[in-house]
């Protein structure tokens, strides 16, 4: 070997050593962020992730704790930012971006969006979610988990006291949502929590629970009365974030820096495209009827409310068989999710959801497909209108979105993610974007045709109509989120937009508008779908005849669920625009 060659080898070895040192430094810094900041200040997330050393702790919304968290976040940011990205390999550089974005997003929430100051439901739902996370999975004995419930219930009394001090700028809609949710939360502690721990044997723990649970129920009832009598009359705050905060949240959570006017134009264009497709298909189905009448006809074709859960279960075998026979994506496990009714404290703002165990949960790995049934207080007419959201088309579309090959299949891929960071941090534009993309992709690939998910050509068209209705819902979220939070649309206008432009029922429009007041960037469904479609198109151009849909989907899911910008860099090898 020549001297020059030896020198080159030596330089390469030095370079590799430096990369290794930089990566080790980042791993220490990211581990410190999770173990000293992220989970200690958000202990319910620790339980949900599978880190059960946090089970006996509950979130603390006091001014002192907020100040301590903000200081800890700044220290973590300084430590991670000090590691130069140029000294890291591509996956670790991406992880560094993810951690920094997570820190910035949390700071934005605490200092600018300030749910602790505005959102009464943040307190009561934190309490119910904290206890639900201990009862939904049998990761430890009933006695051990009940001890943690007692501890969290005791801390819940403190949290409700903090609410009375902190809630000084509440928007009326937030307080109304909290009041709407509270009867379900009280009922949850009266009935569901005791029923979940009938297997507990320790008499001392059971006695402590009886005391802490009774105290919490009474405190929640007092909280509801306080919200109605005291907070609601003075709930004059503004839920709107404003353009600058909206743009920053998008940048931190989704790594999207597209100016809002252009982003709004993208959403409006997709809305118009899907409206045109819906109207054309409706005309094929019923040439003499208006699209609205066809939509009403589609909505009327739904399961009975008491058959809704089984209707979702019945879709699984057909979806799995199609995915496997057409080589859509690898499904890493044969275990299916458990379909059940949505927990009471989540019902006001969601129709269906997937609840999967945390990436580090080793004992209880069940996944739950939650479906919100009509409220028992609804009139028959209200029930019928509500059930239109679960028509023959949207049941399939929702099953695809939540389970196969949507959220549930993506969850099954999480163990293959390349790092701890990728298992814990991600983006809604990836997770929800993937699930929403799957709704369209599955039909594009032939699912829902006669003999493959549909019995007749008419039913096939109804399935596509349902998929388009769901796409219009997500398009309406895209537009409403931006317009409401930048002050261009009122809540009443948003509800009307969901009904007239998004082709949704009035009940759906109300729920969706309420959700958008707090979840302003829920444009991430359509945003993510469009980003994935562009990534697929760009990769097809690059690979040509060698492109494989299954390999594309497998490679996509193997990245974890980071913003699509990071996935593009890994799969295309460049930083080309996501849209």
Protein backbone atom coordinates (compact mmCIF):
# COMPACT_ATOMS: atom_id res chain seq x y z
CA UNK A 1 0.00 0.00 0.00
CA UNK A 2 1.37 3.41 -0.96
CA UNK A 3 1.90 6.18 1.54
CA UNK A 4 -0.97 8.14 0.00
CA UNK A 5 -3.32 5.17 0.31
CA UNK A 6 -2.26 4.58 3.89
CA UNK A 7 -2.90 8.22 4.69
CA UNK A 8 -6.37 8.02 3.13
CA UNK A 9 -7.19 4.91 5.20
CA UNK A 10 -5.95 6.69 8.29
CA UNK A 11 -8.09 9.75 7.55
CA UNK A 12 -11.15 7.53 6.98
CA UNK A 13 -10.57 5.80 10.31
CA UNK A 14 -10.23 9.15 12.06
CA UNK A 15 -13.44 10.33 10.37
CA UNK A 16 -15.31 7.22 11.45
CA UNK A 17 -14.06 7.65 14.99
CA UNK A 18 -15.25 11.27 15.05
CA UNK A 19 -18.66 10.27 13.74
CA UNK A 20 -18.84 7.58 16.40
CA UNK A 21 -17.95 10.05 19.13
CA UNK A 22 -20.51 12.58 17.90
CA UNK A 23 -23.20 9.91 17.71
CA UNK A 24 -22.38 8.71 21.24
CA UNK A 25 -22.64 12.30 22.48
CA UNK A 26 -26.04 12.68 20.83
CA UNK A 27 -27.30 9.41 22.27
CA UNK A 28 -26.32 10.59 25.75
CA UNK A 29 -28.03 13.93 25.20
CA UNK A 30 -31.22 12.43 23.75
CA UNK A 31 -31.42 9.84 26.52
CA UNK A 32 -31.03 12.62 29.07
CA UNK A 33 -33.85 14.54 27.38
CA UNK A 34 -36.23 11.59 27.66
CA UNK A 35 -35.16 10.48 31.14
CA UNK A 36 -34.70 13.88 32.80
CA UNK A 37 -37.18 16.15 30.99
CA UNK A 38 -39.71 14.59 28.63
CA UNK A 39 -41.13 11.83 30.83
CA UNK A 40 -40.59 13.30 34.33
CA UNK A 41 -42.71 16.32 33.38
CA UNK A 42 -45.25 14.24 31.40
CA UNK A 43 -45.49 11.04 33.47
CA UNK A 44 -48.68 9.75 31.83
CA UNK A 45 -46.74 9.64 28.57
CA UNK A 46 -44.19 7.54 30.45
CA UNK A 47 -46.87 5.03 31.42
CA UNK A 48 -48.20 4.99 27.86
CA UNK A 49 -44.72 4.43 26.46
CA UNK A 50 -44.19 1.43 28.74
CA UNK A 51 -41.94 3.10 31.32
CA UNK A 52 -43.74 2.16 34.51
CA UNK A 53 -41.43 3.99 36.91
CA UNK A 54 -43.74 6.96 36.22
CA UNK A 55 -47.00 5.19 37.07
CA UNK A 56 -47.50 6.80 40.50
CA UNK A 57 -46.92 10.37 39.27
CA UNK A 58 -49.33 12.78 37.60
CA UNK A 59 -48.79 15.97 35.60
CA UNK A 60 -48.25 19.14 37.63
CA UNK A 61 -49.60 22.40 36.16
CA UNK A 62 -48.31 24.69 38.92
CA UNK A 63 -46.33 27.83 38.09
CA UNK A 64 -43.26 26.45 39.85
CA UNK A 65 -43.35 23.21 37.88
CA UNK A 66 -43.87 25.04 34.58
CA UNK A 67 -40.85 27.21 35.31
CA UNK A 68 -38.78 24.14 36.16
CA UNK A 69 -39.85 22.39 32.94
CA UNK A 70 -39.09 25.43 30.80
CA UNK A 71 -35.62 25.70 32.36
CA UNK A 72 -35.01 21.97 31.82
CA UNK A 73 -36.11 22.25 28.19
CA UNK A 74 -33.70 25.10 27.57
CA UNK A 75 -30.84 23.08 29.09
CA UNK A 76 -31.71 20.07 26.95
CA UNK A 77 -31.92 22.26 23.85
CA UNK A 78 -28.49 23.74 24.54
CA UNK A 79 -26.97 20.29 25.06
CA UNK A 80 -28.41 18.79 21.87
CA UNK A 81 -27.76 21.88 19.74
CA UNK A 82 -24.10 21.86 20.80
CA UNK A 83 -23.59 18.59 18.89
CA UNK A 84 -22.70 19.61 15.33
CA UNK A 85 -24.94 17.90 12.74
CA UNK A 86 -22.04 17.72 10.28
CA UNK A 87 -20.37 15.13 12.50
CA UNK A 88 -23.34 12.75 12.42
CA UNK A 89 -24.57 10.13 9.97
CA UNK A 90 -27.88 10.80 8.20
CA UNK A 91 -30.19 8.86 10.55
CA UNK A 92 -28.66 10.46 13.64
CA UNK A 93 -28.77 13.94 12.07
CA UNK A 94 -32.48 13.36 11.51
CA UNK A 95 -32.93 12.21 15.12
CA UNK A 96 -31.17 15.36 16.30
CA UNK A 97 -33.67 17.45 14.31
CA UNK A 98 -36.53 15.49 15.85
CA UNK A 99 -35.37 16.06 19.42
CA UNK A 100 -34.78 19.78 18.87
CA UNK A 101 -38.20 20.11 17.24
CA UNK A 102 -39.82 18.28 20.17
CA UNK A 103 -38.21 20.69 22.61
CA UNK A 104 -39.26 23.75 20.61
CA UNK A 105 -42.83 22.45 20.29
CA UNK A 106 -43.14 21.90 24.02
CA UNK A 107 -41.77 25.39 24.74
CA UNK A 108 -44.27 26.85 22.30
CA UNK A 109 -47.10 25.01 24.09
CA UNK A 110 -46.04 26.11 27.55
CA UNK A 111 -45.12 29.72 26.77
CA UNK A 112 -47.37 30.74 23.86
CA UNK A 113 -50.35 28.41 23.33
CA UNK A 114 -50.73 27.98 27.12
CA UNK A 115 -53.44 25.31 27.51
CA UNK A 116 -52.75 25.43 31.26
CA UNK A 117 -54.19 28.97 31.25
CA UNK A 118 -57.01 28.44 28.74
CA UNK A 119 -58.27 24.88 28.65
CA UNK A 120 -60.37 23.55 31.57
CA UNK A 121 -60.60 20.15 29.86
CA UNK A 122 -56.80 19.88 29.95
CA UNK A 123 -57.10 19.33 33.70
CA UNK A 124 -60.03 16.91 33.90
CA UNK A 125 -58.94 14.89 30.86
CA UNK A 126 -55.36 14.71 32.17
CA UNK A 127 -56.82 13.13 35.31
CA UNK A 128 -58.99 10.62 33.47
CA UNK A 129 -56.28 9.78 30.95
CA UNK A 130 -53.77 9.29 33.75
CA UNK A 131 -55.98 6.69 35.42
CA UNK A 132 -57.17 5.12 32.16
CA UNK A 133 -53.54 4.48 31.18
CA UNK A 134 -53.21 2.36 34.34
CA UNK A 135 -56.38 0.30 33.83
CA UNK A 136 -56.57 -0.31 30.07
CA UNK A 137 -53.73 -2.86 29.99
CA UNK A 138 -52.74 -5.55 32.49
CA UNK A 139 -49.03 -4.69 32.54
CA UNK A 140 -48.87 -5.46 36.29
CA UNK A 141 -51.06 -7.06 38.94
CA UNK A 142 -54.38 -5.36 39.79
CA UNK A 143 -53.03 -4.55 43.26
CA UNK A 144 -49.90 -2.89 41.90
CA UNK A 145 -51.76 -0.85 39.33
CA UNK A 146 -54.43 0.13 41.86
CA UNK A 147 -51.72 1.53 44.15
CA UNK A 148 -50.68 3.79 41.29
CA UNK A 149 -54.31 4.77 40.68
CA UNK A 150 -54.59 5.85 44.32
CA UNK A 151 -51.47 7.99 44.02
CA UNK A 152 -52.65 9.63 40.82
CA UNK A 153 -56.11 10.24 42.27
CA UNK A 154 -54.58 12.00 45.29
CA UNK A 155 -52.51 14.22 42.98
CA UNK A 156 -55.63 14.87 40.90
CA UNK A 157 -57.12 16.85 43.79
CA UNK A 158 -54.10 19.12 43.65
CA UNK A 159 -54.41 19.46 39.89
CA UNK A 160 -58.05 20.56 40.14
CA UNK A 161 -56.96 23.19 42.66
CA UNK A 162 -54.33 24.41 40.20
CA UNK A 163 -57.06 24.77 37.55
CA UNK A 164 -58.88 27.34 39.66
CA UNK A 165 -55.71 29.40 39.94
CA UNK A 166 -54.45 29.02 36.37
CA UNK A 167 -57.58 29.35 34.21
CA UNK A 168 -57.56 33.11 33.74
CA UNK A 169 -57.90 33.35 29.94
CA UNK A 170 -60.35 30.58 29.00
CA UNK A 171 -62.15 30.72 25.64
CA UNK A 172 -65.84 29.94 26.00
CA UNK A 173 -65.71 26.93 23.67
CA UNK A 174 -62.97 25.30 25.75
CA UNK A 175 -65.01 25.65 28.93
CA UNK A 176 -68.10 24.32 27.17
CA UNK A 177 -66.16 21.26 25.97
CA UNK A 178 -64.91 20.63 29.51
CA UNK A 179 -68.45 20.85 30.86
CA UNK A 180 -69.68 18.50 28.12
CA UNK A 181 -66.95 15.97 28.93
CA UNK A 182 -67.26 16.01 32.72
CA UNK A 183 -70.41 13.87 33.19
CA UNK A 184 -68.67 11.09 31.23
CA UNK A 185 -65.52 11.53 33.31
CA UNK A 186 -67.47 11.40 36.59
CA UNK A 187 -69.29 8.29 35.39
CA UNK A 188 -65.91 6.80 34.41
CA UNK A 189 -64.67 7.11 38.00
CA UNK A 190 -68.01 6.00 39.47
CA UNK A 191 -68.34 2.84 37.39
CA UNK A 192 -65.50 1.99 34.99
CA UNK A 193 -62.53 2.42 37.30
CA UNK A 194 -63.93 0.32 40.20
CA UNK A 195 -65.04 -2.37 37.73
CA UNK A 196 -61.54 -2.54 36.23
CA UNK A 197 -59.98 -3.43 39.58
CA UNK A 198 -62.39 -6.01 41.00
CA UNK A 199 -59.47 -8.45 40.89
CA UNK A 200 -57.43 -6.45 43.42
CA UNK A 201 -56.91 -8.50 46.61
CA UNK A 202 -55.03 -6.20 48.97
CA UNK A 203 -57.62 -4.98 51.48
CA UNK A 204 -55.54 -1.94 52.46
CA UNK A 205 -55.17 -0.80 48.85
CA UNK A 206 -58.87 -1.36 48.17
CA UNK A 207 -59.77 0.76 51.20
CA UNK A 208 -57.39 3.52 50.13
CA UNK A 209 -58.89 3.43 46.64
CA UNK A 210 -62.45 3.68 47.95
CA UNK A 211 -61.41 6.80 49.83
CA UNK A 212 -59.37 8.45 47.04
CA UNK A 213 -61.95 7.61 44.38
CA UNK A 214 -64.85 9.03 46.40
CA UNK A 215 -62.85 12.18 47.09
CA UNK A 216 -61.99 12.59 43.40
CA UNK A 217 -65.58 12.07 42.24
CA UNK A 218 -66.75 14.74 44.67
CA UNK A 219 -63.96 17.08 43.53
CA UNK A 220 -64.83 16.55 39.85
CA UNK A 221 -68.51 17.31 40.59
CA UNK A 222 -67.46 20.50 42.38
CA UNK A 223 -65.18 21.33 39.43
CA UNK A 224 -68.09 20.95 37.01
CA UNK A 225 -70.22 23.28 39.13
CA UNK A 226 -67.37 25.78 39.35
CA UNK A 227 -66.97 25.72 35.58
CA UNK A 228 -70.66 26.42 35.07
CA UNK A 229 -71.11 29.01 37.78
CA UNK A 230 -67.74 30.79 37.82
CA UNK A 231 -65.49 30.11 34.83
CA UNK A 232 -68.06 29.96 32.00
CA UNK A 233 -69.49 33.46 32.59
CA UNK A 234 -65.96 34.91 32.38
CA UNK A 235 -64.68 32.66 29.60
CA UNK A 236 -63.85 35.48 27.21
CA UNK A 237 -60.45 34.27 26.02
CA UNK A 238 -59.47 33.72 22.40
CA UNK A 239 -58.70 30.19 21.21
CA UNK A 240 -57.05 31.45 18.01
CA UNK A 241 -53.29 31.06 17.81
CA UNK A 242 -52.59 33.63 15.11
CA UNK A 243 -50.58 33.12 11.92
CA UNK A 244 -47.11 33.29 13.48
CA UNK A 245 -47.80 30.69 16.17
CA UNK A 246 -49.60 28.47 13.66
CA UNK A 247 -46.60 28.59 11.32
CA UNK A 248 -44.17 27.84 14.16
CA UNK A 249 -46.23 24.87 15.35
CA UNK A 250 -46.24 23.45 11.83
CA UNK A 251 -42.47 23.91 11.60
CA UNK A 252 -41.78 22.19 14.95
CA UNK A 253 -44.36 19.40 14.72
CA UNK A 254 -44.33 18.61 10.99
CA UNK A 255 -41.13 20.27 9.68
CA UNK A 256 -43.25 22.23 7.20
CA UNK A 257 -42.23 25.79 6.35
CA UNK A 258 -44.62 26.44 3.45
CA UNK A 259 -46.16 29.94 3.89
CA UNK A 260 -49.76 29.76 5.11
CA UNK A 261 -51.33 31.40 2.01
CA UNK A 262 -49.72 28.78 -0.24
CA UNK A 263 -50.61 26.02 2.19
CA UNK A 264 -54.23 27.19 2.24
CA UNK A 265 -54.28 27.18 -1.57
CA UNK A 266 -53.00 23.57 -1.57
CA UNK A 267 -55.80 22.52 0.79
CA UNK A 268 -58.48 24.35 -1.19
CA UNK A 269 -57.27 22.79 -4.45
CA UNK A 270 -57.49 19.28 -2.98
CA UNK A 271 -60.95 20.09 -1.63
CA UNK A 272 -62.16 21.17 -5.10
CA UNK A 273 -60.62 18.08 -6.72
CA UNK A 274 -62.37 15.73 -4.29
CA UNK A 275 -65.66 17.61 -4.57
CA UNK A 276 -65.54 17.21 -8.35
CA UNK A 277 -64.78 13.50 -8.05
CA UNK A 278 -67.59 13.05 -5.50
CA UNK A 279 -70.11 14.93 -7.63
CA UNK A 280 -69.19 13.00 -10.78
CA UNK A 281 -69.53 9.64 -9.01
CA UNK A 282 -72.81 10.69 -7.41
CA UNK A 283 -74.11 11.53 -10.90
CA UNK A 284 -73.11 8.06 -12.10
CA UNK A 285 -75.00 6.48 -9.24
CA UNK A 286 -78.11 8.66 -9.43
CA UNK A 287 -78.21 10.70 -12.69
CA UNK A 288 -81.42 12.49 -11.71
CA UNK A 289 -80.45 13.38 -8.16
CA UNK A 290 -78.36 16.15 -6.64
CA UNK A 291 -75.08 15.07 -5.03
CA UNK A 292 -76.52 16.04 -1.64
CA UNK A 293 -79.39 13.63 -2.10
CA UNK A 294 -76.97 10.86 -3.02
CA UNK A 295 -74.93 11.69 0.06
CA UNK A 296 -78.09 11.41 2.17
CA UNK A 297 -78.81 8.05 0.54
CA UNK A 298 -75.27 6.89 1.27
CA UNK A 299 -75.55 8.04 4.89
CA UNK A 300 -78.76 6.11 5.38
CA UNK A 301 -76.96 2.88 4.46
CA UNK A 302 -75.36 2.19 7.84
CA UNK A 303 -75.32 -0.58 10.46
CA UNK A 304 -77.67 -0.49 13.43
CA UNK A 305 -75.91 1.22 16.37
CA UNK A 306 -75.74 -2.04 18.34
CA UNK A 307 -74.07 -3.74 15.34
CA UNK A 308 -71.51 -1.03 14.66
CA UNK A 309 -68.60 -2.60 16.56
CA UNK A 310 -69.15 -5.96 14.86
CA UNK A 311 -69.34 -4.25 11.47
CA UNK A 312 -65.79 -3.04 11.96
CA UNK A 313 -64.60 -6.46 13.10
CA UNK A 314 -66.14 -8.01 9.99
CA UNK A 315 -63.93 -5.93 7.69
CA UNK A 316 -60.61 -7.26 9.00
CA UNK A 317 -60.34 -10.61 7.21
CA UNK A 318 -61.10 -9.14 3.80
CA UNK A 319 -58.64 -6.30 4.26
CA UNK A 320 -55.85 -8.58 5.47
CA UNK A 321 -56.42 -11.06 2.64
CA UNK A 322 -56.33 -8.31 0.03
CA UNK A 323 -53.16 -6.74 1.46
CA UNK A 324 -51.35 -10.06 1.44
CA UNK A 325 -52.55 -11.28 -1.95
CA UNK A 326 -51.77 -7.98 -3.69
CA UNK A 327 -48.44 -7.45 -1.87
CA UNK A 328 -49.46 -4.04 -0.53
CA UNK A 329 -47.34 -4.03 2.66
CA UNK A 330 -45.85 -6.53 5.08
CA UNK A 331 -48.05 -7.10 8.17
CA UNK A 332 -45.57 -8.12 10.93
CA UNK A 333 -48.11 -9.87 13.19
CA UNK A 334 -51.30 -11.96 12.91
CA UNK A 335 -52.70 -10.51 16.16
CA UNK A 336 -55.69 -8.26 15.52
CA UNK A 337 -56.74 -5.13 17.43
CA UNK A 338 -59.62 -5.31 19.93
CA UNK A 339 -62.67 -3.33 18.81
CA UNK A 340 -64.44 -1.58 21.72
CA UNK A 341 -66.45 1.51 22.61
CA UNK A 342 -64.50 4.76 23.00
CA UNK A 343 -63.73 5.61 26.67
CA UNK A 344 -66.19 8.19 28.06
CA UNK A 345 -63.74 11.06 28.41
CA UNK A 346 -62.77 10.91 24.70
CA UNK A 347 -66.25 10.80 23.16
CA UNK A 348 -66.93 14.51 22.70
CA UNK A 349 -64.23 15.04 20.07
CA UNK A 350 -63.64 11.73 18.27
CA UNK A 351 -65.67 9.20 16.26
CA UNK A 352 -63.01 6.46 16.04
CA UNK A 353 -59.39 6.01 17.11
CA UNK A 354 -56.62 3.44 17.46
CA UNK A 355 -55.08 3.01 20.92
CA UNK A 356 -51.84 1.04 20.68
CA UNK A 357 -49.43 0.12 23.49
CA UNK A 358 -46.24 2.09 23.91
CA UNK A 359 -43.07 1.04 22.08
CA UNK A 360 -41.46 -0.10 25.35
CA UNK A 361 -44.49 -1.90 26.79
CA UNK A 362 -43.42 -5.52 27.26
CA UNK A 363 -46.21 -7.07 29.34
CA UNK A 364 -49.52 -5.89 27.92
CA UNK A 365 -49.39 -5.43 24.17
CA UNK A 366 -53.08 -5.29 23.24
CA UNK A 367 -54.21 -2.62 20.79
CA UNK A 368 -57.71 -1.16 20.94
CA UNK A 369 -59.80 0.12 18.04
CA UNK A 370 -62.15 2.62 19.74
CA UNK A 371 -65.49 3.51 18.15
CA UNK A 372 -67.83 6.18 19.56
CA UNK A 373 -71.43 4.97 19.65
CA UNK A 374 -74.39 7.39 19.70
CA UNK A 375 -74.92 9.01 23.08
CA UNK A 376 -77.77 7.51 25.06
CA UNK A 377 -79.30 10.97 25.50
CA UNK A 378 -79.79 11.44 21.73
CA UNK A 379 -83.26 11.41 20.19
CA UNK A 380 -83.96 8.81 17.46
CA UNK A 381 -83.55 11.52 14.81
CA UNK A 382 -80.20 12.58 16.27
CA UNK A 383 -79.04 8.96 16.38
CA UNK A 384 -79.94 8.51 12.72
CA UNK A 385 -78.06 11.66 11.74
CA UNK A 386 -75.06 10.62 13.83
CA UNK A 387 -74.97 7.15 12.26
CA UNK A 388 -74.68 8.69 8.79
CA UNK A 389 -71.01 9.15 9.68
CA UNK A 390 -70.73 5.35 9.81
CA UNK A 391 -72.22 4.50 6.42
CA UNK A 392 -71.18 1.50 4.30
CA UNK A 393 -68.38 3.52 2.70
CA UNK A 394 -66.94 5.23 5.75
CA UNK A 395 -66.98 2.01 7.83
CA UNK A 396 -64.54 0.49 5.32
CA UNK A 397 -62.58 3.73 5.01
CA UNK A 398 -62.31 4.01 8.80
CA UNK A 399 -61.26 0.36 9.17
CA UNK A 400 -58.53 0.94 6.59
CA UNK A 401 -57.45 4.14 8.34
CA UNK A 402 -57.39 2.83 11.90
CA UNK A 403 -56.35 -0.79 11.33
CA UNK A 404 -55.38 -2.36 7.99
CA UNK A 405 -53.06 -1.08 6.67
CA UNK A 406 -53.31 2.20 8.59
CA UNK A 407 -52.44 2.99 12.20
CA UNK A 408 -52.39 -0.56 13.48
CA UNK A 409 -50.01 -1.86 10.81
CA UNK A 410 -47.77 1.18 11.32
CA UNK A 411 -47.71 0.39 15.05
CA UNK A 412 -46.65 -3.19 14.25
CA UNK A 413 -43.63 -1.75 12.42
CA UNK A 414 -42.49 0.47 15.32
CA UNK A 415 -40.09 -2.16 16.79
CA UNK A 416 -38.14 -1.96 13.53
CA UNK A 417 -37.59 1.80 13.86
CA UNK A 418 -33.88 2.66 13.81
CA UNK A 419 -33.54 4.33 17.24
CA UNK A 420 -35.14 5.15 20.56
CA UNK A 421 -35.84 8.63 19.26
CA UNK A 422 -37.79 7.24 16.27
CA UNK A 423 -39.80 4.95 18.54
CA UNK A 424 -40.88 7.85 20.79
CA UNK A 425 -41.00 10.97 18.61
CA UNK A 426 -42.80 11.48 15.35
CA UNK A 427 -45.19 13.62 13.35
CA UNK A 428 -48.93 13.54 12.85
CA UNK A 429 -48.39 14.26 9.14
CA UNK A 430 -46.66 10.87 9.01
CA UNK A 431 -48.96 8.82 11.29
CA UNK A 432 -52.26 10.40 10.19
CA UNK A 433 -50.94 11.08 6.70
CA UNK A 434 -50.12 7.37 6.27
CA UNK A 435 -53.54 6.27 7.53
CA UNK A 436 -55.35 8.77 5.30
CA UNK A 437 -53.16 7.86 2.31
CA UNK A 438 -54.11 4.21 2.85
CA UNK A 439 -57.82 5.01 2.47
CA UNK A 440 -57.25 6.17 -1.11
CA UNK A 441 -54.39 3.79 -1.95
CA UNK A 442 -56.34 0.64 -1.07
CA UNK A 443 -59.20 1.54 -3.40
CA UNK A 444 -56.76 2.65 -6.10
CA UNK A 445 -55.14 -0.79 -5.87
CA UNK A 446 -58.48 -2.54 -6.36
CA UNK A 447 -59.93 -3.11 -2.91
CA UNK A 448 -63.67 -2.45 -2.84
CA UNK A 449 -64.31 -3.84 -6.29
CA UNK A 450 -66.86 -6.65 -6.76
CA UNK A 451 -65.34 -9.77 -5.23
CA UNK A 452 -62.76 -7.79 -3.26
CA UNK A 453 -64.62 -5.99 -0.49
CA UNK A 454 -67.82 -5.22 -2.42
CA UNK A 455 -70.65 -7.43 -3.68
CA UNK A 456 -71.80 -5.32 -6.62
CA UNK A 457 -70.60 -2.52 -8.87
CA UNK A 458 -72.98 -0.17 -7.09
CA UNK A 459 -71.53 -1.07 -3.71
CA UNK A 460 -68.04 -0.50 -5.11
CA UNK A 461 -69.04 3.00 -6.13
CA UNK A 462 -70.57 3.62 -2.70
CA UNK A 463 -67.27 2.59 -1.08
CA UNK A 464 -65.41 5.12 -3.26
CA UNK A 465 -68.04 7.72 -2.42
CA UNK A 466 -67.43 7.03 1.30
CA UNK A 467 -63.66 7.37 0.82
CA UNK A 468 -64.18 10.69 -0.95
CA UNK A 469 -66.48 11.90 1.82
CA UNK A 470 -63.73 11.11 4.35
CA UNK A 471 -61.21 12.91 2.13
CA UNK A 472 -63.50 15.94 2.04
CA UNK A 473 -63.72 15.87 5.84
CA UNK A 474 -59.90 16.05 6.02
CA UNK A 475 -59.80 18.77 3.35
CA UNK A 476 -62.30 20.80 5.37
CA UNK A 477 -60.12 20.38 8.47
CA UNK A 478 -57.19 21.68 6.41
CA UNK A 479 -59.00 24.87 5.45
CA UNK A 480 -60.89 25.42 8.73
CA UNK A 481 -57.80 24.98 10.91
CA UNK A 482 -55.89 27.71 9.09
CA UNK A 483 -58.85 30.03 8.64
CA UNK A 484 -60.15 29.81 12.24
CA UNK A 485 -56.75 30.28 13.88
CA UNK A 486 -55.75 33.19 11.66
CA UNK A 487 -59.06 34.96 12.30
CA UNK A 488 -60.61 34.57 8.83
CA UNK A 489 -63.43 32.23 9.91
CA UNK A 490 -65.73 32.10 12.92
CA UNK A 491 -66.84 28.87 14.56
CA UNK A 492 -70.29 29.19 12.98
CA UNK A 493 -68.70 29.68 9.58
CA UNK A 494 -66.47 26.68 10.22
CA UNK A 495 -69.48 24.48 11.01
CA UNK A 496 -71.17 25.64 7.83
CA UNK A 497 -67.99 24.94 5.86
CA UNK A 498 -67.84 21.36 7.14
CA UNK A 499 -71.48 20.85 6.13
CA UNK A 500 -71.56 22.59 2.73
CA UNK A 501 -67.99 22.23 1.45
CA UNK A 502 -66.91 19.13 3.38
CA UNK A 503 -70.21 17.27 2.82
CA UNK A 504 -70.59 16.36 6.51
CA UNK A 505 -73.64 16.05 8.75
CA UNK A 506 -74.41 18.86 11.18
CA UNK A 507 -73.46 16.68 14.17
CA UNK A 508 -70.10 15.90 12.59
CA UNK A 509 -69.57 19.56 11.76
CA UNK A 510 -70.10 20.55 15.40
CA UNK A 511 -67.65 17.94 16.73
CA UNK A 512 -65.04 18.77 14.09
CA UNK A 513 -65.23 22.52 14.67
CA UNK A 514 -64.84 22.07 18.42
CA UNK A 515 -61.82 19.87 17.84
CA UNK A 516 -60.24 22.44 15.55
CA UNK A 517 -60.27 25.13 18.22
CA UNK A 518 -57.60 23.21 20.17
CA UNK A 519 -56.13 20.94 17.45
CA UNK A 520 -55.58 23.75 14.98
CA UNK A 521 -53.05 21.98 12.77
CA UNK A 522 -55.33 19.04 12.03
CA UNK A 523 -54.58 19.72 8.39
CA UNK A 524 -51.87 17.06 8.90
CA UNK A 525 -54.14 14.33 7.49
CA UNK A 526 -54.34 15.77 3.99
CA UNK A 527 -50.89 17.35 4.26
CA UNK A 528 -49.28 14.00 5.05
CA UNK A 529 -51.24 12.14 2.37
CA UNK A 530 -50.16 14.62 -0.30
CA UNK A 531 -46.53 14.44 0.89
CA UNK A 532 -46.56 10.62 0.75
CA UNK A 533 -48.12 10.61 -2.73
CA UNK A 534 -45.41 12.99 -3.95
CA UNK A 535 -42.67 10.88 -2.32
CA UNK A 536 -44.07 7.76 -4.01
CA UNK A 537 -44.26 9.52 -7.37
CA UNK A 538 -40.69 10.83 -7.06
CA UNK A 539 -39.39 7.41 -6.09
CA UNK A 540 -41.23 5.77 -9.01
CA UNK A 541 -39.52 8.20 -11.38
CA UNK A 542 -36.15 7.44 -9.83
CA UNK A 543 -36.51 3.64 -9.77
CA UNK A 544 -38.57 3.10 -12.90
CA UNK A 545 -39.42 -0.55 -13.58
CA UNK A 546 -37.65 -1.59 -10.37
CA UNK A 547 -40.23 0.22 -8.21
CA UNK A 548 -42.28 -2.04 -5.91
CA UNK A 549 -45.27 -0.73 -3.98
CA UNK A 550 -44.72 -3.24 -1.17
CA UNK A 551 -41.04 -2.35 -0.88
CA UNK A 552 -41.93 1.35 -0.88
CA UNK A 553 -44.46 0.91 1.93
CA UNK A 554 -42.12 -1.33 3.95
CA UNK A 555 -39.24 1.11 3.60
CA UNK A 556 -41.52 4.00 4.56
CA UNK A 557 -42.77 2.28 7.72
CA UNK A 558 -39.26 1.14 8.68
CA UNK A 559 -38.32 4.80 9.28
CA UNK A 560 -40.60 5.11 12.30
CA UNK A 561 -43.02 8.03 12.00
CA UNK A 562 -40.90 11.20 11.62
CA UNK A 563 -41.93 14.16 9.44
CA UNK A 564 -42.01 13.26 5.73
CA UNK A 565 -39.07 15.59 5.17
CA UNK A 566 -36.88 13.12 7.12
CA UNK A 567 -38.34 10.10 5.31
CA UNK A 568 -37.61 11.74 1.94
CA UNK A 569 -33.99 12.31 2.89
CA UNK A 570 -33.63 8.65 3.85
CA UNK A 571 -35.44 7.18 0.84
CA UNK A 572 -34.44 9.61 -1.92
CA UNK A 573 -31.09 10.77 -0.61
CA UNK A 574 -31.86 14.46 -1.05
CA UNK A 575 -33.69 17.35 0.59
CA UNK A 576 -36.11 18.08 -2.26
CA UNK A 577 -39.44 19.76 -1.39
CA UNK A 578 -42.10 17.62 0.27
CA UNK A 579 -44.84 19.31 -1.77
